[in-house]
């Protein structure tokens, strides 16, 4: 009787324990990434005006692009962050760690006056330039 010939290659095989270890490592990595993204989004929500994109200066290109999986998880690049004088060295290091891709710049000056940003959400209410007459 002839024996079946082996192709000389073994198929990739792994045990259930190996699969569980790999799945656990992937879950830890994914949790780490999601926590980092949540920290970034919380900082952006609390300090949104520091990310104003309405200046006459064009937005700079980010220092580098975020990895594809960060986009898949809902993260976005932040090209510019305005420096704040009241930041301590610890605050500045934390923001730099959160936004490695951002360019840190001093706030622009308009007519010699530095823009002042207040933390918190931006709330703009349009004001008419001329009074609207009341109808009798």
C-alpha atoms as a PDB file:
ATOM      1  CA  UNK A   1       0.000   0.000   0.000  1.00  0.00           C
ATOM      2  CA  UNK A   2       1.288   3.418  -0.793  1.00  0.00           C
ATOM      3  CA  UNK A   3       1.508   6.019   1.915  1.00  0.00           C
ATOM      4  CA  UNK A   4       0.073   9.499   1.366  1.00  0.00           C
ATOM      5  CA  UNK A   5       2.778  11.888   0.366  1.00  0.00           C
ATOM      6  CA  UNK A   6       3.307  14.906   2.561  1.00  0.00           C
ATOM      7  CA  UNK A   7       3.843  18.191   0.857  1.00  0.00           C
ATOM      8  CA  UNK A   8       6.842  18.922   3.052  1.00  0.00           C
ATOM      9  CA  UNK A   9       5.116  21.912   4.653  1.00  0.00           C
ATOM     10  CA  UNK A  10       3.251  21.921   7.915  1.00  0.00           C
ATOM     11  CA  UNK A  11       0.189  24.016   8.200  1.00  0.00           C
ATOM     12  CA  UNK A  12       0.301  26.809  10.712  1.00  0.00           C
ATOM     13  CA  UNK A  13      -1.152  25.370  13.895  1.00  0.00           C
ATOM     14  CA  UNK A  14      -1.708  26.840  17.327  1.00  0.00           C
ATOM     15  CA  UNK A  15      -3.448  25.743  20.469  1.00  0.00           C
ATOM     16  CA  UNK A  16      -6.527  27.193  22.084  1.00  0.00           C
ATOM     17  CA  UNK A  17      -4.363  28.596  24.892  1.00  0.00           C
ATOM     18  CA  UNK A  18      -2.200  30.461  22.367  1.00  0.00           C
ATOM     19  CA  UNK A  19      -5.287  31.906  20.722  1.00  0.00           C
ATOM     20  CA  UNK A  20      -6.624  33.094  24.097  1.00  0.00           C
ATOM     21  CA  UNK A  21      -3.283  34.738  24.965  1.00  0.00           C
ATOM     22  CA  UNK A  22      -3.194  36.536  21.591  1.00  0.00           C
ATOM     23  CA  UNK A  23      -6.820  37.622  21.966  1.00  0.00           C
ATOM     24  CA  UNK A  24      -6.100  38.957  25.471  1.00  0.00           C
ATOM     25  CA  UNK A  25      -3.069  40.914  24.227  1.00  0.00           C
ATOM     26  CA  UNK A  26      -5.165  42.392  21.410  1.00  0.00           C
ATOM     27  CA  UNK A  27      -7.918  43.378  23.867  1.00  0.00           C
ATOM     28  CA  UNK A  28      -5.393  45.081  26.195  1.00  0.00           C
ATOM     29  CA  UNK A  29      -3.873  46.999  23.254  1.00  0.00           C
ATOM     30  CA  UNK A  30      -7.330  48.038  22.002  1.00  0.00           C
ATOM     31  CA  UNK A  31      -8.354  49.217  25.477  1.00  0.00           C
ATOM     32  CA  UNK A  32      -5.135  51.226  25.764  1.00  0.00           C
ATOM     33  CA  UNK A  33      -5.778  52.928  22.408  1.00  0.00           C
ATOM     34  CA  UNK A  34      -9.421  53.694  23.239  1.00  0.00           C
ATOM     35  CA  UNK A  35      -8.456  55.181  26.610  1.00  0.00           C
ATOM     36  CA  UNK A  36      -5.867  57.398  24.924  1.00  0.00           C
ATOM     37  CA  UNK A  37      -8.431  58.557  22.342  1.00  0.00           C
ATOM     38  CA  UNK A  38     -10.949  59.314  25.116  1.00  0.00           C
ATOM     39  CA  UNK A  39      -8.332  61.423  26.919  1.00  0.00           C
ATOM     40  CA  UNK A  40      -7.668  63.383  23.720  1.00  0.00           C
ATOM     41  CA  UNK A  41     -11.378  63.939  23.069  1.00  0.00           C
ATOM     42  CA  UNK A  42     -11.993  65.030  26.674  1.00  0.00           C
ATOM     43  CA  UNK A  43      -9.176  67.568  26.419  1.00  0.00           C
ATOM     44  CA  UNK A  44     -10.524  68.860  23.087  1.00  0.00           C
ATOM     45  CA  UNK A  45     -14.031  69.197  24.572  1.00  0.00           C
ATOM     46  CA  UNK A  46     -12.727  71.124  27.574  1.00  0.00           C
ATOM     47  CA  UNK A  47     -10.312  73.337  25.597  1.00  0.00           C
ATOM     48  CA  UNK A  48     -11.997  73.652  22.212  1.00  0.00           C
ATOM     49  CA  UNK A  49     -11.260  77.360  21.693  1.00  0.00           C
ATOM     50  CA  UNK A  50      -7.535  76.599  21.783  1.00  0.00           C
ATOM     51  CA  UNK A  51      -8.033  74.781  18.489  1.00  0.00           C
ATOM     52  CA  UNK A  52      -9.555  77.716  16.593  1.00  0.00           C
ATOM     53  CA  UNK A  53      -9.174  77.361  12.847  1.00  0.00           C
ATOM     54  CA  UNK A  54     -10.597  80.776  11.959  1.00  0.00           C
ATOM     55  CA  UNK A  55      -7.356  82.772  11.937  1.00  0.00           C
ATOM     56  CA  UNK A  56      -5.981  84.363   8.789  1.00  0.00           C
ATOM     57  CA  UNK A  57      -2.988  82.015   9.019  1.00  0.00           C
ATOM     58  CA  UNK A  58      -3.471  78.779   7.087  1.00  0.00           C
ATOM     59  CA  UNK A  59      -3.498  75.586   9.103  1.00  0.00           C
ATOM     60  CA  UNK A  60      -0.078  73.961   9.248  1.00  0.00           C
ATOM     61  CA  UNK A  61       0.387  70.401   8.126  1.00  0.00           C
ATOM     62  CA  UNK A  62       0.470  67.969  11.056  1.00  0.00           C
ATOM     63  CA  UNK A  63       3.936  66.773  12.043  1.00  0.00           C
ATOM     64  CA  UNK A  64       2.857  63.263  11.092  1.00  0.00           C
ATOM     65  CA  UNK A  65      -0.333  61.389  10.267  1.00  0.00           C
ATOM     66  CA  UNK A  66      -2.130  59.286  12.850  1.00  0.00           C
ATOM     67  CA  UNK A  67      -2.146  55.535  12.256  1.00  0.00           C
ATOM     68  CA  UNK A  68      -5.075  54.174  10.266  1.00  0.00           C
ATOM     69  CA  UNK A  69      -6.531  52.262  13.225  1.00  0.00           C
ATOM     70  CA  UNK A  70      -6.780  55.512  15.230  1.00  0.00           C
ATOM     71  CA  UNK A  71      -9.018  56.925  12.485  1.00  0.00           C
ATOM     72  CA  UNK A  72     -11.063  53.721  12.565  1.00  0.00           C
ATOM     73  CA  UNK A  73     -11.529  54.224  16.317  1.00  0.00           C
ATOM     74  CA  UNK A  74     -12.797  57.806  15.832  1.00  0.00           C
ATOM     75  CA  UNK A  75      -9.660  59.886  16.423  1.00  0.00           C
ATOM     76  CA  UNK A  76      -8.757  62.923  14.318  1.00  0.00           C
ATOM     77  CA  UNK A  77      -5.567  64.866  13.757  1.00  0.00           C
ATOM     78  CA  UNK A  78      -5.134  68.209  15.482  1.00  0.00           C
ATOM     79  CA  UNK A  79      -2.870  70.396  13.336  1.00  0.00           C
ATOM     80  CA  UNK A  80      -2.523  73.401  15.703  1.00  0.00           C
ATOM     81  CA  UNK A  81      -2.856  74.176  19.404  1.00  0.00           C
ATOM     82  CA  UNK A  82      -2.449  77.666  20.836  1.00  0.00           C
ATOM     83  CA  UNK A  83      -0.029  77.957  23.767  1.00  0.00           C
ATOM     84  CA  UNK A  84      -1.417  79.250  27.060  1.00  0.00           C
ATOM     85  CA  UNK A  85       0.657  81.348  29.457  1.00  0.00           C
ATOM     86  CA  UNK A  86      -1.057  79.821  32.501  1.00  0.00           C
ATOM     87  CA  UNK A  87      -0.031  76.268  31.585  1.00  0.00           C
ATOM     88  CA  UNK A  88       2.473  74.765  33.973  1.00  0.00           C
ATOM     89  CA  UNK A  89       5.318  72.660  32.617  1.00  0.00           C
ATOM     90  CA  UNK A  90       3.364  69.567  33.648  1.00  0.00           C
ATOM     91  CA  UNK A  91       0.265  70.733  31.711  1.00  0.00           C
ATOM     92  CA  UNK A  92       2.350  71.543  28.635  1.00  0.00           C
ATOM     93  CA  UNK A  93       4.039  68.110  28.781  1.00  0.00           C
ATOM     94  CA  UNK A  94       0.642  66.388  29.111  1.00  0.00           C
ATOM     95  CA  UNK A  95      -0.815  68.234  26.100  1.00  0.00           C
ATOM     96  CA  UNK A  96       2.324  67.542  24.068  1.00  0.00           C
ATOM     97  CA  UNK A  97       2.046  63.843  24.944  1.00  0.00           C
ATOM     98  CA  UNK A  98      -1.623  63.764  23.917  1.00  0.00           C
ATOM     99  CA  UNK A  99      -1.102  65.603  20.626  1.00  0.00           C
ATOM    100  CA  UNK A 100       2.263  64.583  19.215  1.00  0.00           C
ATOM    101  CA  UNK A 101       1.135  65.580  15.718  1.00  0.00           C
ATOM    102  CA  UNK A 102       0.126  69.152  16.655  1.00  0.00           C
ATOM    103  CA  UNK A 103       2.108  72.311  16.036  1.00  0.00           C
ATOM    104  CA  UNK A 104       2.135  74.459  19.175  1.00  0.00           C
ATOM    105  CA  UNK A 105       1.937  78.162  18.370  1.00  0.00           C
ATOM    106  CA  UNK A 106       1.470  81.408  20.224  1.00  0.00           C
ATOM    107  CA  UNK A 107      -2.011  82.907  19.803  1.00  0.00           C
ATOM    108  CA  UNK A 108      -2.249  85.399  16.942  1.00  0.00           C
ATOM    109  CA  UNK A 109      -2.265  89.137  17.513  1.00  0.00           C
ATOM    110  CA  UNK A 110      -4.977  91.266  15.947  1.00  0.00           C
ATOM    111  CA  UNK A 111      -4.175  94.984  15.954  1.00  0.00           C
ATOM    112  CA  UNK A 112      -1.444  94.297  18.501  1.00  0.00           C
ATOM    113  CA  UNK A 113      -3.798  92.514  20.914  1.00  0.00           C
ATOM    114  CA  UNK A 114      -3.349  88.805  21.633  1.00  0.00           C
ATOM    115  CA  UNK A 115      -6.495  86.741  21.261  1.00  0.00           C
ATOM    116  CA  UNK A 116      -7.800  85.511  24.579  1.00  0.00           C
ATOM    117  CA  UNK A 117      -9.411  82.088  24.668  1.00  0.00           C
ATOM    118  CA  UNK A 118     -11.661  80.920  27.436  1.00  0.00           C
ATOM    119  CA  UNK A 119     -11.837  77.185  28.119  1.00  0.00           C
ATOM    120  CA  UNK A 120     -15.164  75.543  27.485  1.00  0.00           C
ATOM    121  CA  UNK A 121     -17.482  75.134  24.537  1.00  0.00           C
ATOM    122  CA  UNK A 122     -17.732  77.985  22.067  1.00  0.00           C
ATOM    123  CA  UNK A 123     -21.130  79.656  22.126  1.00  0.00           C
ATOM    124  CA  UNK A 124     -21.654  82.339  19.500  1.00  0.00           C
ATOM    125  CA  UNK A 125     -24.934  84.259  19.281  1.00  0.00           C
ATOM    126  CA  UNK A 126     -25.349  86.389  16.157  1.00  0.00           C
ATOM    127  CA  UNK A 127     -26.133  90.020  16.868  1.00  0.00           C
ATOM    128  CA  UNK A 128     -27.892  92.034  14.153  1.00  0.00           C
ATOM    129  CA  UNK A 129     -25.902  95.035  12.973  1.00  0.00           C
ATOM    130  CA  UNK A 130     -28.975  97.275  12.768  1.00  0.00           C
ATOM    131  CA  UNK A 131     -31.923  97.200  15.147  1.00  0.00           C
ATOM    132  CA  UNK A 132     -34.949  95.410  13.831  1.00  0.00           C
ATOM    133  CA  UNK A 133     -38.062  97.625  14.085  1.00  0.00           C
ATOM    134  CA  UNK A 134     -41.018  96.189  15.897  1.00  0.00           C
ATOM    135  CA  UNK A 135     -44.142  95.745  13.821  1.00  0.00           C
ATOM    136  CA  UNK A 136     -47.134  97.644  15.247  1.00  0.00           C
END
